[in-house]
Amino acid sequence: MSENRVTKLHDDEVDIDASLVTRLLAEQFPRWAGAPVRLVTSSGTDNVTFRVGPDLAVRLPRTAGMRGQVEKDLRWLPHLAPKLPLAVPQPLALGSPNEEFPFSWGVYRWLEGTTFRLDQLADPAGAARELAEFLHCLQEIDTDGAPVPPDDPFSRGTPLAPRDGLFRAAVEELRDDFDTGLLLAAWEASLEVGAGGGAPRWIHGDLMPGNVLVADGRLTAIIDFATACAADPAADLLAAWYLFDGDSRRAFRDALKVDEHAWVRARGWTLSLTVISLPYYRARNPAVVRNAAGLIAELLADFATD
């Protein structure tokens, strides 16, 4: 298989490869046509990214369910970017669907950096404080007219209770792999603190390693604002476990001055995202299961110290 052809992750995905991007650019944006096009292998699960020449990126949704992201970026990222201390994607143009590709797609300015790894950082605790400052600035931006979470149990920054049944069903399927009593105790502790009572704030909603870029030992950019909306800011605390550990996790929490209830809600959020997805991946991607097992162990250790 060509390194510039996308491996399908879902049955309903459309075919996407570098030659398609080349044709789309030639048809709709000839000023950018002719530059070499290559797949970014860390594109993600919802969209596919190709680098175009040295300065541009093209981003295309994998499925119909991911439509509308470029329009959202064009509406909101120019509003958010000037107020944030790290770079965010800069959308340049909206591509239209055609007979070859049925969804809108986007041309963006290329952002330098590699996907986040803690061992790449020169100062992990300093990076944790930098990300905390980014979130503080994001939360201070006016939410007038901002998108709100969709009515879905997996929507970021929403109450935990609607996913209780999904969580318990997943735990039942994982009873041979984990201490289910401890899993349920940690989950129930998260439910007990209830929903956040403060005003909704801007959240990114998906601060996982693939959406945080690093260069020269420092954070450089935050990408993929598909889940950005006005919601409970505790949702962005999942970065404490997905990105950091030990001293850097404590630095992140201290810099944000997180209260206990928000921390416990965030831990429940992270636990539910991980546990509910595991039965699906157990037969399909053992590497995901191995990584998730380590994350769950850290979440349960955090619960045990409360």
Protein backbone atom coordinates (compact mmCIF):
# COMPACT_ATOMS: atom_id res chain seq x y z
CA MET A 1 0.00 0.00 0.00
CA SER A 2 1.28 3.48 -0.84
CA GLU A 3 2.52 5.51 2.10
CA ASN A 4 0.30 8.32 0.79
CA ARG A 5 -2.92 6.28 0.87
CA VAL A 6 -5.00 6.40 4.04
CA THR A 7 -5.68 3.19 5.96
CA LYS A 8 -9.41 3.05 6.70
CA LEU A 9 -10.35 2.98 10.37
CA HIS A 10 -14.13 2.77 9.87
CA ASP A 11 -16.27 0.88 7.36
CA ASP A 12 -18.03 4.05 6.18
CA GLU A 13 -14.88 6.00 5.30
CA VAL A 14 -14.33 7.41 1.86
CA ASP A 15 -11.15 6.67 -0.11
CA ILE A 16 -8.52 9.36 0.41
CA ASP A 17 -4.98 9.53 -0.93
CA ALA A 18 -2.40 12.10 -2.01
CA SER A 19 -3.48 12.03 -5.64
CA LEU A 20 -7.02 13.01 -4.61
CA VAL A 21 -5.64 16.01 -2.72
CA THR A 22 -3.56 16.98 -5.74
CA ARG A 23 -6.65 16.92 -7.96
CA LEU A 24 -8.80 18.85 -5.47
CA LEU A 25 -6.19 21.61 -5.22
CA ALA A 26 -5.76 21.81 -9.00
CA GLU A 27 -9.52 22.14 -9.49
CA GLN A 28 -10.37 24.56 -6.68
CA PHE A 29 -7.16 26.34 -5.64
CA PRO A 30 -4.79 26.35 -8.63
CA ARG A 31 -2.51 28.86 -6.89
CA TRP A 32 -1.51 26.03 -4.52
CA ALA A 33 -1.41 23.25 -7.10
CA GLY A 34 1.83 21.59 -8.16
CA ALA A 35 3.46 21.37 -4.71
CA PRO A 36 4.36 17.89 -3.44
CA VAL A 37 1.62 16.28 -1.30
CA ARG A 38 2.37 13.71 1.40
CA LEU A 39 0.33 12.06 4.11
CA VAL A 40 0.85 13.07 7.74
CA THR A 41 0.87 9.66 9.40
CA SER A 42 -0.29 11.03 12.77
CA SER A 43 -3.45 12.54 11.24
CA GLY A 44 -5.87 11.10 13.80
CA THR A 45 -9.08 9.10 13.74
CA ASP A 46 -11.61 11.70 12.53
CA ASN A 47 -9.74 13.63 9.85
CA VAL A 48 -6.82 13.04 7.51
CA THR A 49 -4.04 15.60 7.05
CA PHE A 50 -1.65 15.97 4.11
CA ARG A 51 1.30 18.33 4.01
CA VAL A 52 1.41 20.40 0.81
CA GLY A 53 4.81 21.85 0.06
CA PRO A 54 6.65 23.46 2.98
CA ASP A 55 3.94 25.83 4.18
CA LEU A 56 0.47 24.30 3.80
CA ALA A 57 -1.68 21.44 5.07
CA VAL A 58 -4.93 20.01 3.70
CA ARG A 59 -7.38 18.43 6.13
CA LEU A 60 -10.23 16.17 5.03
CA PRO A 61 -12.92 14.45 7.12
CA ARG A 62 -12.88 10.65 7.02
CA THR A 63 -16.66 10.20 7.33
CA ALA A 64 -19.91 12.12 7.00
CA GLY A 65 -20.10 12.44 10.77
CA MET A 66 -17.03 14.69 10.75
CA ARG A 67 -18.43 17.26 8.32
CA GLY A 68 -18.39 20.93 9.29
CA GLN A 69 -15.02 21.09 11.05
CA VAL A 70 -13.40 23.50 8.59
CA GLU A 71 -16.41 25.82 8.76
CA LYS A 72 -16.14 25.78 12.55
CA ASP A 73 -12.41 26.50 12.38
CA LEU A 74 -12.96 29.41 9.98
CA ARG A 75 -15.59 30.88 12.29
CA TRP A 76 -13.83 30.51 15.64
CA LEU A 77 -10.06 30.06 15.37
CA PRO A 78 -9.41 33.64 14.19
CA HIS A 79 -11.37 34.75 17.27
CA LEU A 80 -9.42 32.51 19.66
CA ALA A 81 -5.89 32.64 18.23
CA PRO A 82 -4.88 36.22 19.15
CA LYS A 83 -5.72 35.59 22.79
CA LEU A 84 -3.74 32.35 23.19
CA PRO A 85 -0.04 31.94 24.08
CA LEU A 86 0.55 28.89 21.85
CA ALA A 87 -0.05 28.57 18.11
CA VAL A 88 -3.32 27.08 16.88
CA PRO A 89 -4.35 26.06 13.34
CA GLN A 90 -4.79 28.88 10.83
CA PRO A 91 -7.47 27.99 8.26
CA LEU A 92 -6.89 29.63 4.89
CA ALA A 93 -9.62 28.31 2.61
CA LEU A 94 -12.70 26.11 2.49
CA GLY A 95 -12.76 23.44 -0.19
CA SER A 96 -16.09 22.32 -1.65
CA PRO A 97 -17.36 18.76 -2.12
CA ASN A 98 -17.33 17.41 -5.66
CA GLU A 99 -17.95 14.14 -7.48
CA GLU A 100 -14.73 12.64 -6.12
CA PHE A 101 -14.95 13.79 -2.51
CA PRO A 102 -18.36 14.33 -0.89
CA PHE A 103 -17.43 16.61 2.04
CA SER A 104 -16.07 20.11 2.54
CA TRP A 105 -12.36 20.21 3.36
CA GLY A 106 -9.80 22.81 4.36
CA VAL A 107 -6.45 24.34 3.52
CA TYR A 108 -4.42 25.46 6.54
CA ARG A 109 -1.07 27.00 7.34
CA TRP A 110 1.39 24.23 8.25
CA LEU A 111 2.42 24.15 11.91
CA GLU A 112 5.89 22.82 12.72
CA GLY A 113 6.36 20.27 15.47
CA THR A 114 5.97 16.60 16.32
CA THR A 115 3.24 14.98 18.37
CA PHE A 116 3.67 15.20 22.11
CA ARG A 117 5.95 12.86 24.03
CA LEU A 118 6.85 13.62 27.62
CA ASP A 119 10.44 12.46 27.13
CA GLN A 120 10.92 15.07 24.38
CA LEU A 121 10.44 17.96 26.81
CA ALA A 122 13.43 19.79 28.23
CA ASP A 123 11.39 20.82 31.29
CA PRO A 124 8.22 18.72 31.76
CA ALA A 125 6.98 20.73 34.75
CA GLY A 126 7.58 23.96 32.85
CA ALA A 127 5.65 22.59 29.88
CA ALA A 128 2.80 21.64 32.22
CA ARG A 129 2.66 25.23 33.46
CA GLU A 130 2.72 26.49 29.84
CA LEU A 131 -0.28 24.34 28.99
CA ALA A 132 -2.04 25.50 32.13
CA GLU A 133 -1.50 29.11 31.03
CA PHE A 134 -2.90 28.26 27.60
CA LEU A 135 -6.04 26.85 29.24
CA HIS A 136 -6.34 29.82 31.57
CA CYS A 137 -6.27 32.17 28.57
CA LEU A 138 -8.73 30.00 26.66
CA GLN A 139 -11.17 29.98 29.58
CA GLU A 140 -11.04 33.77 29.81
CA ILE A 141 -12.24 34.30 26.22
CA ASP A 142 -15.84 35.50 25.85
CA THR A 143 -18.19 32.60 25.06
CA ASP A 144 -20.93 34.73 23.50
CA GLY A 145 -22.32 32.69 20.59
CA ALA A 146 -19.85 29.85 21.15
CA PRO A 147 -20.85 26.31 20.17
CA VAL A 148 -22.22 24.14 22.96
CA PRO A 149 -21.77 20.40 23.45
CA PRO A 150 -24.12 18.25 21.38
CA ASP A 151 -26.72 16.15 23.19
CA ASP A 152 -24.61 13.02 23.33
CA PRO A 153 -23.25 11.04 26.31
CA PHE A 154 -19.73 11.38 24.90
CA SER A 155 -19.84 15.17 24.50
CA ARG A 156 -16.86 16.80 26.16
CA GLY A 157 -17.38 18.93 29.23
CA THR A 158 -20.82 17.51 30.04
CA PRO A 159 -22.10 15.72 33.17
CA LEU A 160 -20.87 12.19 33.80
CA ALA A 161 -24.20 10.64 34.80
CA PRO A 162 -25.54 10.02 31.24
CA ARG A 163 -22.69 7.61 30.55
CA ASP A 164 -23.14 5.58 33.75
CA GLY A 165 -24.84 2.67 31.97
CA LEU A 166 -22.17 2.55 29.25
CA PHE A 167 -19.41 2.59 31.87
CA ARG A 168 -20.92 -0.24 33.92
CA ALA A 169 -21.50 -2.37 30.82
CA ALA A 170 -17.86 -1.91 29.78
CA VAL A 171 -16.62 -2.77 33.28
CA GLU A 172 -18.63 -5.99 33.15
CA GLU A 173 -16.90 -6.94 29.91
CA LEU A 174 -13.50 -6.19 31.47
CA ARG A 175 -13.97 -8.10 34.70
CA ASP A 176 -11.19 -10.57 33.80
CA ASP A 177 -8.70 -7.76 33.13
CA PHE A 178 -9.18 -5.24 35.97
CA ASP A 179 -10.21 -4.89 39.59
CA THR A 180 -13.80 -4.04 38.78
CA GLY A 181 -14.62 -3.16 42.38
CA LEU A 182 -11.94 -0.47 42.38
CA LEU A 183 -13.00 0.77 38.95
CA LEU A 184 -16.59 1.18 40.10
CA ALA A 185 -15.55 2.84 43.37
CA ALA A 186 -13.50 5.45 41.49
CA TRP A 187 -16.33 6.00 39.04
CA GLU A 188 -18.95 6.39 41.77
CA ALA A 189 -16.75 8.91 43.58
CA SER A 190 -16.73 10.97 40.37
CA LEU A 191 -20.51 10.77 40.06
CA GLU A 192 -20.95 11.91 43.66
CA VAL A 193 -19.36 15.32 43.06
CA GLY A 194 -22.05 16.09 40.48
CA ALA A 195 -21.86 18.46 37.56
CA GLY A 196 -19.86 21.67 37.59
CA GLY A 197 -21.84 24.61 38.86
CA GLY A 198 -19.90 27.45 37.26
CA ALA A 199 -20.50 29.27 33.99
CA PRO A 200 -19.47 27.40 30.83
CA ARG A 201 -16.00 28.30 29.57
CA TRP A 202 -14.20 27.68 26.32
CA ILE A 203 -12.64 24.22 26.30
CA HIS A 204 -10.47 22.45 23.75
CA GLY A 205 -11.95 19.10 24.76
CA ASP A 206 -9.36 16.73 23.32
CA LEU A 207 -5.96 17.43 24.86
CA MET A 208 -4.34 14.12 23.98
CA PRO A 209 -0.78 13.64 22.68
CA GLY A 210 -1.75 13.78 19.00
CA ASN A 211 -3.20 17.27 19.44
CA VAL A 212 -0.21 18.86 21.20
CA LEU A 213 2.90 19.70 19.15
CA VAL A 214 6.45 19.91 20.46
CA ALA A 215 9.66 21.27 18.94
CA ASP A 216 13.11 21.85 20.45
CA GLY A 217 11.96 20.49 23.80
CA ARG A 218 9.02 22.88 24.21
CA LEU A 219 5.31 23.05 23.47
CA THR A 220 4.67 24.90 20.22
CA ALA A 221 1.04 24.43 19.19
CA ILE A 222 -2.36 22.99 20.07
CA ILE A 223 -4.27 21.54 17.13
CA ASP A 224 -7.64 19.94 16.29
CA PHE A 225 -10.38 22.10 17.78
CA ALA A 226 -13.18 19.77 16.62
CA THR A 227 -14.53 19.42 20.17
CA ALA A 228 -13.96 23.04 21.23
CA CYS A 229 -17.06 24.57 22.79
CA ALA A 230 -18.39 26.35 25.86
CA ALA A 231 -18.68 23.72 28.59
CA ASP A 232 -17.32 22.57 31.96
CA PRO A 233 -13.59 23.51 31.97
CA ALA A 234 -12.83 20.37 34.00
CA ALA A 235 -12.95 18.51 30.67
CA ASP A 236 -9.53 19.88 29.74
CA LEU A 237 -7.98 18.48 32.90
CA LEU A 238 -7.78 15.11 31.17
CA ALA A 239 -4.40 16.42 29.96
CA ALA A 240 -3.13 15.79 33.49
CA TRP A 241 -3.22 12.04 32.81
CA TYR A 242 -2.92 11.87 29.03
CA LEU A 243 0.16 14.11 28.88
CA PHE A 244 1.86 14.31 32.26
CA ASP A 245 2.93 12.27 35.25
CA GLY A 246 4.43 12.74 38.70
CA ASP A 247 5.89 16.22 39.21
CA SER A 248 4.62 17.55 35.88
CA ARG A 249 1.06 16.45 36.68
CA ARG A 250 1.25 18.21 40.04
CA ALA A 251 2.66 21.32 38.36
CA PHE A 252 -0.25 21.33 35.91
CA ARG A 253 -2.82 21.01 38.69
CA ASP A 254 -1.17 23.63 40.89
CA ALA A 255 -0.84 26.13 38.03
CA LEU A 256 -4.57 25.87 37.25
CA LYS A 257 -5.53 26.05 40.94
CA VAL A 258 -7.97 23.19 40.41
CA ASP A 259 -10.49 22.55 43.18
CA GLU A 260 -11.07 19.00 44.41
CA HIS A 261 -14.49 18.56 42.80
CA ALA A 262 -13.22 19.61 39.36
CA TRP A 263 -10.26 17.24 39.69
CA VAL A 264 -12.51 14.30 40.59
CA ARG A 265 -14.89 15.10 37.71
CA ALA A 266 -11.93 15.22 35.34
CA ARG A 267 -10.64 11.91 36.63
CA GLY A 268 -14.08 10.40 36.03
CA TRP A 269 -14.13 11.88 32.54
CA THR A 270 -10.75 10.36 31.70
CA LEU A 271 -11.66 7.03 33.25
CA SER A 272 -14.92 6.79 31.32
CA LEU A 273 -13.34 7.73 27.98
CA THR A 274 -10.77 5.00 28.47
CA VAL A 275 -12.89 2.20 29.93
CA ILE A 276 -15.88 2.54 27.60
CA SER A 277 -13.66 2.28 24.52
CA LEU A 278 -11.67 -0.75 25.70
CA PRO A 279 -14.08 -3.58 24.80
CA TYR A 280 -14.12 -2.28 21.21
CA TYR A 281 -10.32 -2.16 20.92
CA ARG A 282 -9.55 -5.37 22.82
CA ALA A 283 -10.03 -7.54 19.71
CA ARG A 284 -8.86 -4.92 17.21
CA ASN A 285 -5.83 -3.12 18.60
CA PRO A 286 -3.89 -4.76 21.46
CA ALA A 287 -1.48 -1.79 21.61
CA VAL A 288 -4.34 0.53 22.55
CA VAL A 289 -5.35 -1.88 25.31
CA ARG A 290 -1.82 -2.02 26.71
CA ASN A 291 -1.55 1.76 26.81
CA ALA A 292 -5.01 2.08 28.33
CA ALA A 293 -4.14 -0.38 31.09
CA GLY A 294 -1.29 1.87 32.21
CA LEU A 295 -3.50 4.94 32.15
CA ILE A 296 -6.22 3.20 34.17
CA ALA A 297 -3.63 2.15 36.74
CA GLU A 298 -2.56 5.79 37.17
CA LEU A 299 -6.16 6.98 37.48
CA LEU A 300 -6.90 4.36 40.13
CA ALA A 301 -3.70 5.24 42.00
CA ASP A 302 -4.81 8.88 42.02
CA PHE A 303 -8.21 7.78 43.38
CA ALA A 304 -6.53 5.68 46.08
CA THR A 305 -4.62 8.71 47.40
CA ASP A 306 -7.77 10.83 47.94
